[in-house]
Amino acid sequence: MILKISKFTIRVEEETLKKFRYVAEYNARSANRELEVLMKRHIAKFEKEHGKIVLESND
């Protein structure tokens, strides 16, 4: 299975980003990996409460 990696840009206050990077480093992760972990946790929580998200295949 080949993973398709997408780029995602966000706008955030500089202080928030610095603090986020601090937390990521504390967790021995890059800021990118930290955000990915948080996104996956958030999705899992949502799906637990609302049911599995089914995406349409574009292939």
PDB file of N, CA and C in Angstrom:
ATOM      1  N   MET A   1       0.842  -1.187   0.000  1.00  0.00           N
ATOM      2  CA  MET A   1       0.000   0.000   0.000  1.00  0.00           C
ATOM      3  C   MET A   1       0.884   1.246   0.000  1.00  0.00           C
ATOM      4  N   ILE A   2       0.641   2.140  -0.919  1.00  0.00           N
ATOM      5  CA  ILE A   2       1.380   3.394  -1.016  1.00  0.00           C
ATOM      6  C   ILE A   2       0.567   4.490  -0.351  1.00  0.00           C
ATOM      7  N   LEU A   3       1.193   5.192   0.596  1.00  0.00           N
ATOM      8  CA  LEU A   3       0.512   6.296   1.270  1.00  0.00           C
ATOM      9  C   LEU A   3       0.647   7.565   0.454  1.00  0.00           C
ATOM     10  N   LYS A   4      -0.445   8.255   0.293  1.00  0.00           N
ATOM     11  CA  LYS A   4      -0.428   9.545  -0.386  1.00  0.00           C
ATOM     12  C   LYS A   4      -0.291  10.618   0.690  1.00  0.00           C
ATOM     13  N   ILE A   5       0.777  11.375   0.633  1.00  0.00           N
ATOM     14  CA  ILE A   5       1.040  12.411   1.625  1.00  0.00           C
ATOM     15  C   ILE A   5       0.638  13.763   1.047  1.00  0.00           C
ATOM     16  N   SER A   6      -0.175  14.490   1.781  1.00  0.00           N
ATOM     17  CA  SER A   6      -0.631  15.809   1.349  1.00  0.00           C
ATOM     18  C   SER A   6       0.010  16.889   2.202  1.00  0.00           C
ATOM     19  N   LYS A   7       0.211  18.055   1.625  1.00  0.00           N
ATOM     20  CA  LYS A   7       0.701  19.215   2.369  1.00  0.00           C
ATOM     21  C   LYS A   7      -0.494  20.025   2.837  1.00  0.00           C
ATOM     22  N   PHE A   8      -0.347  20.630   4.012  1.00  0.00           N
ATOM     23  CA  PHE A   8      -1.423  21.396   4.609  1.00  0.00           C
ATOM     24  C   PHE A   8      -0.805  22.605   5.293  1.00  0.00           C
ATOM     25  N   THR A   9      -1.219  23.787   4.945  1.00  0.00           N
ATOM     26  CA  THR A   9      -0.680  25.012   5.529  1.00  0.00           C
ATOM     27  C   THR A   9      -1.707  25.617   6.467  1.00  0.00           C
ATOM     28  N   ILE A  10      -1.240  26.071   7.631  1.00  0.00           N
ATOM     29  CA  ILE A  10      -2.145  26.759   8.557  1.00  0.00           C
ATOM     30  C   ILE A  10      -1.553  28.113   8.929  1.00  0.00           C
ATOM     31  N   ARG A  11      -2.409  29.005   9.318  1.00  0.00           N
ATOM     32  CA  ARG A  11      -1.981  30.296   9.840  1.00  0.00           C
ATOM     33  C   ARG A  11      -2.214  30.263  11.346  1.00  0.00           C
ATOM     34  N   VAL A  12      -1.205  30.632  12.093  1.00  0.00           N
ATOM     35  CA  VAL A  12      -1.300  30.587  13.552  1.00  0.00           C
ATOM     36  C   VAL A  12      -0.404  31.677  14.142  1.00  0.00           C
ATOM     37  N   GLU A  13      -0.809  32.178  15.287  1.00  0.00           N
ATOM     38  CA  GLU A  13       0.000  33.198  15.963  1.00  0.00           C
ATOM     39  C   GLU A  13       1.375  32.630  16.291  1.00  0.00           C
ATOM     40  N   GLU A  14       2.395  33.474  16.196  1.00  0.00           N
ATOM     41  CA  GLU A  14       3.770  33.039  16.413  1.00  0.00           C
ATOM     42  C   GLU A  14       3.971  32.417  17.796  1.00  0.00           C
ATOM     43  N   GLU A  15       3.398  33.017  18.822  1.00  0.00           N
ATOM     44  CA  GLU A  15       3.556  32.496  20.180  1.00  0.00           C
ATOM     45  C   GLU A  15       2.948  31.095  20.299  1.00  0.00           C
ATOM     46  N   THR A  16       1.788  30.897  19.688  1.00  0.00           N
ATOM     47  CA  THR A  16       1.137  29.582  19.716  1.00  0.00           C
ATOM     48  C   THR A  16       2.016  28.546  19.032  1.00  0.00           C
ATOM     49  N   LEU A  17       2.591  28.895  17.897  1.00  0.00           N
ATOM     50  CA  LEU A  17       3.453  27.964  17.178  1.00  0.00           C
ATOM     51  C   LEU A  17       4.707  27.631  17.987  1.00  0.00           C
ATOM     52  N   LYS A  18       5.300  28.618  18.614  1.00  0.00           N
ATOM     53  CA  LYS A  18       6.486  28.370  19.446  1.00  0.00           C
ATOM     54  C   LYS A  18       6.157  27.425  20.598  1.00  0.00           C
ATOM     55  N   LYS A  19       5.016  27.638  21.239  1.00  0.00           N
ATOM     56  CA  LYS A  19       4.606  26.765  22.344  1.00  0.00           C
ATOM     57  C   LYS A  19       4.301  25.358  21.828  1.00  0.00           C
ATOM     58  N   PHE A  20       3.685  25.288  20.663  1.00  0.00           N
ATOM     59  CA  PHE A  20       3.371  23.982  20.081  1.00  0.00           C
ATOM     60  C   PHE A  20       4.652  23.218  19.773  1.00  0.00           C
ATOM     61  N   ARG A  21       5.630  23.907  19.213  1.00  0.00           N
ATOM     62  CA  ARG A  21       6.923  23.265  18.930  1.00  0.00           C
ATOM     63  C   ARG A  21       7.595  22.802  20.214  1.00  0.00           C
ATOM     64  N   TYR A  22       7.454  23.568  21.282  1.00  0.00           N
ATOM     65  CA  TYR A  22       7.999  23.175  22.584  1.00  0.00           C
ATOM     66  C   TYR A  22       7.371  21.865  23.051  1.00  0.00           C
ATOM     67  N   VAL A  23       6.049  21.784  22.959  1.00  0.00           N
ATOM     68  CA  VAL A  23       5.332  20.572  23.357  1.00  0.00           C
ATOM     69  C   VAL A  23       5.755  19.392  22.480  1.00  0.00           C
ATOM     70  N   ALA A  24       5.868  19.622  21.189  1.00  0.00           N
ATOM     71  CA  ALA A  24       6.282  18.561  20.270  1.00  0.00           C
ATOM     72  C   ALA A  24       7.666  18.045  20.643  1.00  0.00           C
ATOM     73  N   GLU A  25       8.593  18.953  20.907  1.00  0.00           N
ATOM     74  CA  GLU A  25       9.945  18.544  21.293  1.00  0.00           C
ATOM     75  C   GLU A  25       9.921  17.764  22.605  1.00  0.00           C
ATOM     76  N   TYR A  26       9.112  18.198  23.546  1.00  0.00           N
ATOM     77  CA  TYR A  26       8.966  17.487  24.821  1.00  0.00           C
ATOM     78  C   TYR A  26       8.512  16.050  24.584  1.00  0.00           C
ATOM     79  N   ASN A  27       7.643  15.857  23.600  1.00  0.00           N
ATOM     80  CA  ASN A  27       7.132  14.530  23.253  1.00  0.00           C
ATOM     81  C   ASN A  27       8.027  13.787  22.256  1.00  0.00           C
ATOM     82  N   ALA A  28       9.211  14.335  21.995  1.00  0.00           N
ATOM     83  CA  ALA A  28      10.189  13.741  21.081  1.00  0.00           C
ATOM     84  C   ALA A  28       9.627  13.585  19.668  1.00  0.00           C
ATOM     85  N   ARG A  29       8.898  14.607  19.235  1.00  0.00           N
ATOM     86  CA  ARG A  29       8.310  14.602  17.903  1.00  0.00           C
ATOM     87  C   ARG A  29       8.620  15.917  17.202  1.00  0.00           C
ATOM     88  N   SER A  30       8.531  15.894  15.886  1.00  0.00           N
ATOM     89  CA  SER A  30       8.559  17.142  15.128  1.00  0.00           C
ATOM     90  C   SER A  30       7.200  17.805  15.298  1.00  0.00           C
ATOM     91  N   ALA A  31       7.120  19.074  14.981  1.00  0.00           N
ATOM     92  CA  ALA A  31       5.830  19.763  15.051  1.00  0.00           C
ATOM     93  C   ALA A  31       4.839  19.108  14.087  1.00  0.00           C
ATOM     94  N   ASN A  32       5.330  18.700  12.927  1.00  0.00           N
ATOM     95  CA  ASN A  32       4.471  18.042  11.948  1.00  0.00           C
ATOM     96  C   ASN A  32       3.907  16.742  12.504  1.00  0.00           C
ATOM     97  N   ARG A  33       4.762  15.918  13.099  1.00  0.00           N
ATOM     98  CA  ARG A  33       4.318  14.628  13.654  1.00  0.00           C
ATOM     99  C   ARG A  33       3.367  14.845  14.833  1.00  0.00           C
ATOM    100  N   GLU A  34       3.651  15.842  15.642  1.00  0.00           N
ATOM    101  CA  GLU A  34       2.778  16.151  16.785  1.00  0.00           C
ATOM    102  C   GLU A  34       1.380  16.508  16.292  1.00  0.00           C
ATOM    103  N   LEU A  35       1.308  17.333  15.252  1.00  0.00           N
ATOM    104  CA  LEU A  35       0.013  17.716  14.700  1.00  0.00           C
ATOM    105  C   LEU A  35      -0.703  16.503  14.117  1.00  0.00           C
ATOM    106  N   GLU A  36       0.031  15.635  13.436  1.00  0.00           N
ATOM    107  CA  GLU A  36      -0.575  14.429  12.866  1.00  0.00           C
ATOM    108  C   GLU A  36      -1.161  13.538  13.961  1.00  0.00           C
ATOM    109  N   VAL A  37      -0.430  13.367  15.064  1.00  0.00           N
ATOM    110  CA  VAL A  37      -0.921  12.560  16.190  1.00  0.00           C
ATOM    111  C   VAL A  37      -2.197  13.175  16.763  1.00  0.00           C
ATOM    112  N   LEU A  38      -2.198  14.485  16.951  1.00  0.00           N
ATOM    113  CA  LEU A  38      -3.380  15.151  17.504  1.00  0.00           C
ATOM    114  C   LEU A  38      -4.576  15.037  16.566  1.00  0.00           C
ATOM    115  N   MET A  39      -4.337  15.168  15.263  1.00  0.00           N
ATOM    116  CA  MET A  39      -5.424  15.043  14.295  1.00  0.00           C
ATOM    117  C   MET A  39      -6.022  13.633  14.335  1.00  0.00           C
ATOM    118  N   LYS A  40      -5.178  12.617  14.392  1.00  0.00           N
ATOM    119  CA  LYS A  40      -5.666  11.233  14.431  1.00  0.00           C
ATOM    120  C   LYS A  40      -6.459  10.957  15.704  1.00  0.00           C
ATOM    121  N   ARG A  41      -6.001  11.497  16.838  1.00  0.00           N
ATOM    122  CA  ARG A  41      -6.746  11.337  18.096  1.00  0.00           C
ATOM    123  C   ARG A  41      -8.112  12.013  18.007  1.00  0.00           C
ATOM    124  N   HIS A  42      -8.139  13.189  17.418  1.00  0.00           N
ATOM    125  CA  HIS A  42      -9.388  13.944  17.286  1.00  0.00           C
ATOM    126  C   HIS A  42     -10.369  13.196  16.377  1.00  0.00           C
ATOM    127  N   ILE A  43      -9.871  12.659  15.282  1.00  0.00           N
ATOM    128  CA  ILE A  43     -10.719  11.882  14.371  1.00  0.00           C
ATOM    129  C   ILE A  43     -11.255  10.639  15.065  1.00  0.00           C
ATOM    130  N   ALA A  44     -10.399   9.936  15.804  1.00  0.00           N
ATOM    131  CA  ALA A  44     -10.831   8.729  16.515  1.00  0.00           C
ATOM    132  C   ALA A  44     -11.923   9.049  17.534  1.00  0.00           C
ATOM    133  N   LYS A  45     -11.763  10.167  18.251  1.00  0.00           N
ATOM    134  CA  LYS A  45     -12.782  10.578  19.221  1.00  0.00           C
ATOM    135  C   LYS A  45     -14.099  10.903  18.510  1.00  0.00           C
ATOM    136  N   PHE A  46     -14.015  11.622  17.413  1.00  0.00           N
ATOM    137  CA  PHE A  46     -15.207  11.973  16.641  1.00  0.00           C
ATOM    138  C   PHE A  46     -15.919  10.710  16.162  1.00  0.00           C
ATOM    139  N   GLU A  47     -15.151   9.772  15.600  1.00  0.00           N
ATOM    140  CA  GLU A  47     -15.752   8.546  15.085  1.00  0.00           C
ATOM    141  C   GLU A  47     -16.352   7.692  16.198  1.00  0.00           C
ATOM    142  N   LYS A  48     -15.747   7.723  17.374  1.00  0.00           N
ATOM    143  CA  LYS A  48     -16.308   6.976  18.508  1.00  0.00           C
ATOM    144  C   LYS A  48     -17.675   7.541  18.889  1.00  0.00           C
ATOM    145  N   GLU A  49     -17.823   8.842  18.803  1.00  0.00           N
ATOM    146  CA  GLU A  49     -19.067   9.504  19.188  1.00  0.00           C
ATOM    147  C   GLU A  49     -20.120   9.504  18.078  1.00  0.00           C
ATOM    148  N   HIS A  50     -19.668   9.572  16.818  1.00  0.00           N
ATOM    149  CA  HIS A  50     -20.590   9.785  15.701  1.00  0.00           C
ATOM    150  C   HIS A  50     -20.594   8.685  14.648  1.00  0.00           C
ATOM    151  N   GLY A  51     -19.724   7.709  14.789  1.00  0.00           N
ATOM    152  CA  GLY A  51     -19.641   6.643  13.799  1.00  0.00           C
ATOM    153  C   GLY A  51     -18.505   6.886  12.812  1.00  0.00           C
ATOM    154  N   LYS A  52     -18.102   5.812  12.174  1.00  0.00           N
ATOM    155  CA  LYS A  52     -16.984   5.849  11.243  1.00  0.00           C
ATOM    156  C   LYS A  52     -17.257   6.804  10.089  1.00  0.00           C
ATOM    157  N   ILE A  53     -16.244   7.575   9.745  1.00  0.00           N
ATOM    158  CA  ILE A  53     -16.318   8.479   8.600  1.00  0.00           C
ATOM    159  C   ILE A  53     -15.978   7.667   7.356  1.00  0.00           C
ATOM    160  N   VAL A  54     -16.870   7.635   6.404  1.00  0.00           N
ATOM    161  CA  VAL A  54     -16.653   6.905   5.164  1.00  0.00           C
ATOM    162  C   VAL A  54     -16.382   7.930   4.059  1.00  0.00           C
ATOM    163  N   LEU A  55     -15.220   7.805   3.444  1.00  0.00           N
ATOM    164  CA  LEU A  55     -14.840   8.716   2.367  1.00  0.00           C
ATOM    165  C   LEU A  55     -15.084   8.058   1.016  1.00  0.00           C
ATOM    166  N   GLU A  56     -15.483   8.869   0.062  1.00  0.00           N
ATOM    167  CA  GLU A  56     -15.658   8.369  -1.287  1.00  0.00           C
ATOM    168  C   GLU A  56     -14.288   8.217  -1.931  1.00  0.00           C
ATOM    169  N   SER A  57     -14.102   7.134  -2.662  1.00  0.00           N
ATOM    170  CA  SER A  57     -12.841   6.907  -3.350  1.00  0.00           C
ATOM    171  C   SER A  57     -12.817   7.718  -4.639  1.00  0.00           C
ATOM    172  N   ASN A  58     -11.692   8.400  -4.886  1.00  0.00           N
ATOM    173  CA  ASN A  58     -11.535   9.185  -6.108  1.00  0.00           C
ATOM    174  C   ASN A  58     -10.719   8.441  -7.147  1.00  0.00           C
ATOM    175  N   ASP A  59     -10.394   7.186  -6.878  1.00  0.00           N
ATOM    176  CA  ASP A  59      -9.575   6.395  -7.813  1.00  0.00           C
ATOM    177  C   ASP A  59     -10.404   5.744  -8.874  1.00  0.00           C
TER     178      ASP A  59
END
